Amino acid sequence: MKTEELQKYIQNLSPELYSFAYVLIPDDLQASQLMIDCVQAFLIQKKSLVEKMGQTKNKIVLNLLEETRLNLIRLVYELSRKRYKQLKISLSDIEDSGGFFSLDFDEKAILFLKEKTQIDLVHIEYITSMTKSEILSHLYSARLKMTSIMANNLFQNEIESGGIA
């Protein structure tokens, strides 16, 4: 695999990485910068993986590309966790507005990874460095909160439209 092919692969991953970054830090500029920083960190930390890609055959490259994807998602998670603590005050308006962004950091991350990107629990364990039971607990909690939020919003919409008196 050539450097240009890896660059194109990472560019193709950009929407997924940006979406995950934005879920964790709901600010366009911060999510974009986080994505850029993660790619740079990956290239530095995983230099041997990148070099191995240049020396292998196509079948092995597919496994290395999936490993690259998981490593990039893990970096987004790790760096966003650090930045989230610094930016929490500036994000409070978005989080206070309710809905998905009112979930806690790990709940948002795990719900997004499981439901939106369809990543399995074993890989979510790798990304978050949590146990399977911790992941399932956060996932259950997030789903429960989202169900409650959706039901409250539906009820509120009915009241506002005059459907329930």
C-alpha atoms as a PDB file:
ATOM      1  CA  MET A   1       0.000   0.000   0.000  1.00  0.00           C
ATOM      2  CA  LYS A   2       1.356   3.364  -0.984  1.00  0.00           C
ATOM      3  CA  THR A   3       1.281   6.501   1.131  1.00  0.00           C
ATOM      4  CA  GLU A   4      -1.263   8.051  -1.234  1.00  0.00           C
ATOM      5  CA  GLU A   5      -3.594   5.087  -0.728  1.00  0.00           C
ATOM      6  CA  LEU A   6      -3.353   5.411   3.055  1.00  0.00           C
ATOM      7  CA  GLN A   7      -4.015   9.137   2.762  1.00  0.00           C
ATOM      8  CA  LYS A   8      -7.087   8.445   0.613  1.00  0.00           C
ATOM      9  CA  TYR A   9      -8.296   5.804   3.091  1.00  0.00           C
ATOM     10  CA  ILE A  10      -7.998   8.249   5.989  1.00  0.00           C
ATOM     11  CA  GLN A  11      -9.792  10.910   3.941  1.00  0.00           C
ATOM     12  CA  ASN A  12     -12.625   8.429   3.333  1.00  0.00           C
ATOM     13  CA  LEU A  13     -12.787   7.825   7.093  1.00  0.00           C
ATOM     14  CA  SER A  14     -13.015  11.559   7.774  1.00  0.00           C
ATOM     15  CA  PRO A  15     -16.836  11.787   7.886  1.00  0.00           C
ATOM     16  CA  GLU A  16     -17.020   8.911  10.397  1.00  0.00           C
ATOM     17  CA  LEU A  17     -14.202  10.345  12.523  1.00  0.00           C
ATOM     18  CA  TYR A  18     -15.675  13.851  12.390  1.00  0.00           C
ATOM     19  CA  SER A  19     -19.134  12.569  13.354  1.00  0.00           C
ATOM     20  CA  PHE A  20     -17.695  10.757  16.360  1.00  0.00           C
ATOM     21  CA  ALA A  21     -15.599  13.782  17.343  1.00  0.00           C
ATOM     22  CA  TYR A  22     -18.644  16.064  17.051  1.00  0.00           C
ATOM     23  CA  VAL A  23     -20.768  13.712  19.157  1.00  0.00           C
ATOM     24  CA  LEU A  24     -18.184  13.897  21.918  1.00  0.00           C
ATOM     25  CA  ILE A  25     -17.384  17.603  21.573  1.00  0.00           C
ATOM     26  CA  PRO A  26     -20.319  19.339  19.839  1.00  0.00           C
ATOM     27  CA  ASP A  27     -18.390  22.252  18.372  1.00  0.00           C
ATOM     28  CA  ASP A  28     -17.441  22.373  14.668  1.00  0.00           C
ATOM     29  CA  LEU A  29     -14.010  23.895  15.125  1.00  0.00           C
ATOM     30  CA  GLN A  30     -13.065  21.689  18.082  1.00  0.00           C
ATOM     31  CA  ALA A  31     -14.285  18.517  16.343  1.00  0.00           C
ATOM     32  CA  SER A  32     -12.326  19.370  13.182  1.00  0.00           C
ATOM     33  CA  GLN A  33      -9.163  20.120  15.133  1.00  0.00           C
ATOM     34  CA  LEU A  34      -9.595  16.952  17.163  1.00  0.00           C
ATOM     35  CA  MET A  35      -9.815  14.900  13.988  1.00  0.00           C
ATOM     36  CA  ILE A  36      -6.651  16.487  12.580  1.00  0.00           C
ATOM     37  CA  ASP A  37      -4.785  15.937  15.851  1.00  0.00           C
ATOM     38  CA  CYS A  38      -5.850  12.293  15.961  1.00  0.00           C
ATOM     39  CA  VAL A  39      -4.573  11.574  12.459  1.00  0.00           C
ATOM     40  CA  GLN A  40      -1.244  13.222  13.313  1.00  0.00           C
ATOM     41  CA  ALA A  41      -1.013  11.308  16.600  1.00  0.00           C
ATOM     42  CA  PHE A  42      -1.810   8.065  14.782  1.00  0.00           C
ATOM     43  CA  LEU A  43       0.927   8.625  12.221  1.00  0.00           C
ATOM     44  CA  ILE A  44       3.437   9.252  15.009  1.00  0.00           C
ATOM     45  CA  GLN A  45       2.308   6.511  17.426  1.00  0.00           C
ATOM     46  CA  LYS A  46       1.686   3.824  14.832  1.00  0.00           C
ATOM     47  CA  LYS A  47       4.628   4.469  12.534  1.00  0.00           C
ATOM     48  CA  SER A  48       5.473   0.745  12.408  1.00  0.00           C
ATOM     49  CA  LEU A  49       1.892  -0.100  11.363  1.00  0.00           C
ATOM     50  CA  VAL A  50       2.028   2.489   8.591  1.00  0.00           C
ATOM     51  CA  GLU A  51       5.392   1.145   7.414  1.00  0.00           C
ATOM     52  CA  LYS A  52       4.053  -2.438   7.510  1.00  0.00           C
ATOM     53  CA  MET A  53       1.216  -1.398   5.187  1.00  0.00           C
ATOM     54  CA  GLY A  54       3.723  -0.370   2.554  1.00  0.00           C
ATOM     55  CA  GLN A  55       5.342  -3.807   2.592  1.00  0.00           C
ATOM     56  CA  THR A  56       2.358  -6.173   2.614  1.00  0.00           C
ATOM     57  CA  LYS A  57      -0.003  -7.797   0.130  1.00  0.00           C
ATOM     58  CA  ASN A  58      -3.623  -6.787  -0.463  1.00  0.00           C
ATOM     59  CA  LYS A  59      -5.254  -9.399   1.787  1.00  0.00           C
ATOM     60  CA  ILE A  60      -3.234  -8.383   4.835  1.00  0.00           C
ATOM     61  CA  VAL A  61      -3.712  -4.691   4.045  1.00  0.00           C
ATOM     62  CA  LEU A  62      -7.475  -5.006   4.627  1.00  0.00           C
ATOM     63  CA  ASN A  63      -6.840  -6.179   8.195  1.00  0.00           C
ATOM     64  CA  LEU A  64      -4.318  -3.382   8.690  1.00  0.00           C
ATOM     65  CA  LEU A  65      -6.833  -0.829   7.399  1.00  0.00           C
ATOM     66  CA  GLU A  66      -9.444  -2.017   9.907  1.00  0.00           C
ATOM     67  CA  GLU A  67      -6.795  -1.793  12.628  1.00  0.00           C
ATOM     68  CA  THR A  68      -6.050   1.746  11.429  1.00  0.00           C
ATOM     69  CA  ARG A  69      -9.749   2.652  11.624  1.00  0.00           C
ATOM     70  CA  LEU A  70     -10.061   1.330  15.176  1.00  0.00           C
ATOM     71  CA  ASN A  71      -6.872   3.082  16.269  1.00  0.00           C
ATOM     72  CA  LEU A  72      -8.086   6.389  14.850  1.00  0.00           C
ATOM     73  CA  ILE A  73     -11.461   6.040  16.564  1.00  0.00           C
ATOM     74  CA  ARG A  74      -9.690   5.192  19.816  1.00  0.00           C
ATOM     75  CA  LEU A  75      -7.528   8.311  19.487  1.00  0.00           C
ATOM     76  CA  VAL A  76     -10.624  10.435  18.879  1.00  0.00           C
ATOM     77  CA  TYR A  77     -12.120   8.990  22.059  1.00  0.00           C
ATOM     78  CA  GLU A  78      -8.979   9.480  24.169  1.00  0.00           C
ATOM     79  CA  LEU A  79      -8.189  13.012  22.985  1.00  0.00           C
ATOM     80  CA  SER A  80     -11.801  14.149  23.140  1.00  0.00           C
ATOM     81  CA  ARG A  81     -12.059  12.910  26.736  1.00  0.00           C
ATOM     82  CA  LYS A  82      -9.129  15.182  27.673  1.00  0.00           C
ATOM     83  CA  ARG A  83     -10.485  18.148  25.733  1.00  0.00           C
ATOM     84  CA  TYR A  84     -14.017  17.636  26.993  1.00  0.00           C
ATOM     85  CA  LYS A  85     -12.874  18.329  30.533  1.00  0.00           C
ATOM     86  CA  GLN A  86     -11.296  21.602  29.379  1.00  0.00           C
ATOM     87  CA  LEU A  87     -14.285  22.644  27.251  1.00  0.00           C
ATOM     88  CA  LYS A  88     -17.130  21.439  29.489  1.00  0.00           C
ATOM     89  CA  ILE A  89     -18.191  24.949  30.524  1.00  0.00           C
ATOM     90  CA  SER A  90     -18.387  26.205  26.925  1.00  0.00           C
ATOM     91  CA  LEU A  91     -20.438  23.139  25.916  1.00  0.00           C
ATOM     92  CA  SER A  92     -22.972  23.474  28.744  1.00  0.00           C
ATOM     93  CA  ASP A  93     -25.565  25.296  26.578  1.00  0.00           C
ATOM     94  CA  ILE A  94     -25.674  22.416  24.112  1.00  0.00           C
ATOM     95  CA  GLU A  95     -25.752  19.772  26.838  1.00  0.00           C
ATOM     96  CA  ASP A  96     -28.464  21.597  28.797  1.00  0.00           C
ATOM     97  CA  SER A  97     -30.734  21.746  25.756  1.00  0.00           C
ATOM     98  CA  GLY A  98     -31.564  18.058  26.238  1.00  0.00           C
ATOM     99  CA  GLY A  99     -31.620  15.216  23.797  1.00  0.00           C
ATOM    100  CA  PHE A 100     -28.635  13.148  22.824  1.00  0.00           C
ATOM    101  CA  PHE A 101     -26.091  15.743  23.923  1.00  0.00           C
ATOM    102  CA  SER A 102     -27.436  15.679  27.477  1.00  0.00           C
ATOM    103  CA  LEU A 103     -26.063  12.141  27.908  1.00  0.00           C
ATOM    104  CA  ASP A 104     -22.787  11.845  29.770  1.00  0.00           C
ATOM    105  CA  PHE A 105     -19.557  11.530  27.797  1.00  0.00           C
ATOM    106  CA  ASP A 106     -19.226   7.733  27.890  1.00  0.00           C
ATOM    107  CA  GLU A 107     -22.916   7.173  27.204  1.00  0.00           C
ATOM    108  CA  LYS A 108     -22.741   9.327  24.063  1.00  0.00           C
ATOM    109  CA  ALA A 109     -19.564   7.592  22.902  1.00  0.00           C
ATOM    110  CA  ILE A 110     -20.810   4.052  23.435  1.00  0.00           C
ATOM    111  CA  LEU A 111     -24.300   4.665  22.044  1.00  0.00           C
ATOM    112  CA  PHE A 112     -22.816   6.276  18.926  1.00  0.00           C
ATOM    113  CA  LEU A 113     -20.253   3.512  18.399  1.00  0.00           C
ATOM    114  CA  LYS A 114     -22.793   0.734  18.864  1.00  0.00           C
ATOM    115  CA  GLU A 115     -25.788   2.185  17.051  1.00  0.00           C
ATOM    116  CA  LYS A 116     -24.366   4.521  14.415  1.00  0.00           C
ATOM    117  CA  THR A 117     -21.101   2.843  13.428  1.00  0.00           C
ATOM    118  CA  GLN A 118     -22.215  -0.724  14.266  1.00  0.00           C
ATOM    119  CA  ILE A 119     -18.935  -1.488  16.034  1.00  0.00           C
ATOM    120  CA  ASP A 120     -19.104  -4.687  18.078  1.00  0.00           C
ATOM    121  CA  LEU A 121     -18.600  -4.805  21.839  1.00  0.00           C
ATOM    122  CA  VAL A 122     -15.109  -6.312  21.634  1.00  0.00           C
ATOM    123  CA  HIS A 123     -13.902  -3.361  19.583  1.00  0.00           C
ATOM    124  CA  ILE A 124     -15.741  -0.879  21.805  1.00  0.00           C
ATOM    125  CA  GLU A 125     -13.846  -2.426  24.726  1.00  0.00           C
ATOM    126  CA  TYR A 126     -10.608  -1.707  22.849  1.00  0.00           C
ATOM    127  CA  ILE A 127     -11.615   1.858  21.969  1.00  0.00           C
ATOM    128  CA  THR A 128     -12.837   2.849  25.438  1.00  0.00           C
ATOM    129  CA  SER A 129     -10.613   0.600  27.602  1.00  0.00           C
ATOM    130  CA  MET A 130     -13.733  -0.449  29.524  1.00  0.00           C
ATOM    131  CA  THR A 131     -14.961  -3.903  30.433  1.00  0.00           C
ATOM    132  CA  LYS A 132     -17.887  -5.458  28.624  1.00  0.00           C
ATOM    133  CA  SER A 133     -20.101  -5.020  31.693  1.00  0.00           C
ATOM    134  CA  GLU A 134     -19.208  -1.309  31.951  1.00  0.00           C
ATOM    135  CA  ILE A 135     -20.017  -0.844  28.274  1.00  0.00           C
ATOM    136  CA  LEU A 136     -23.340  -2.645  28.585  1.00  0.00           C
ATOM    137  CA  SER A 137     -24.198  -0.560  31.644  1.00  0.00           C
ATOM    138  CA  HIS A 138     -23.496   2.712  29.790  1.00  0.00           C
ATOM    139  CA  LEU A 139     -25.368   1.466  26.727  1.00  0.00           C
ATOM    140  CA  TYR A 140     -28.418   0.492  28.783  1.00  0.00           C
ATOM    141  CA  SER A 141     -28.365   3.795  30.648  1.00  0.00           C
ATOM    142  CA  ALA A 142     -28.050   5.792  27.412  1.00  0.00           C
ATOM    143  CA  ARG A 143     -30.901   3.914  25.747  1.00  0.00           C
ATOM    144  CA  LEU A 144     -33.090   4.354  28.815  1.00  0.00           C
ATOM    145  CA  LYS A 145     -32.400   8.111  28.954  1.00  0.00           C
ATOM    146  CA  MET A 146     -33.001   8.522  25.216  1.00  0.00           C
ATOM    147  CA  THR A 147     -36.301   6.632  25.449  1.00  0.00           C
ATOM    148  CA  SER A 148     -37.364   8.893  28.315  1.00  0.00           C
ATOM    149  CA  ILE A 149     -36.307  12.027  26.426  1.00  0.00           C
ATOM    150  CA  MET A 150     -38.145  10.922  23.289  1.00  0.00           C
ATOM    151  CA  ALA A 151     -41.309  10.133  25.253  1.00  0.00           C
ATOM    152  CA  ASN A 152     -41.179  13.510  27.029  1.00  0.00           C
ATOM    153  CA  ASN A 153     -40.638  15.333  23.730  1.00  0.00           C
ATOM    154  CA  LEU A 154     -43.534  13.495  22.109  1.00  0.00           C
ATOM    155  CA  PHE A 155     -45.799  14.317  25.043  1.00  0.00           C
ATOM    156  CA  GLN A 156     -44.681  17.970  24.993  1.00  0.00           C
ATOM    157  CA  ASN A 157     -45.351  18.212  21.239  1.00  0.00           C
ATOM    158  CA  GLU A 158     -48.853  16.798  21.742  1.00  0.00           C
ATOM    159  CA  ILE A 159     -49.577  19.358  24.435  1.00  0.00           C
ATOM    160  CA  GLU A 160     -48.242  22.253  22.346  1.00  0.00           C
ATOM    161  CA  SER A 161     -50.245  21.198  19.291  1.00  0.00           C
ATOM    162  CA  GLY A 162     -53.420  20.981  21.386  1.00  0.00           C
ATOM    163  CA  GLY A 163     -53.759  17.208  20.981  1.00  0.00           C
ATOM    164  CA  ILE A 164     -53.852  16.552  24.735  1.00  0.00           C
ATOM    165  CA  ALA A 165     -55.928  18.721  26.995  1.00  0.00           C
END
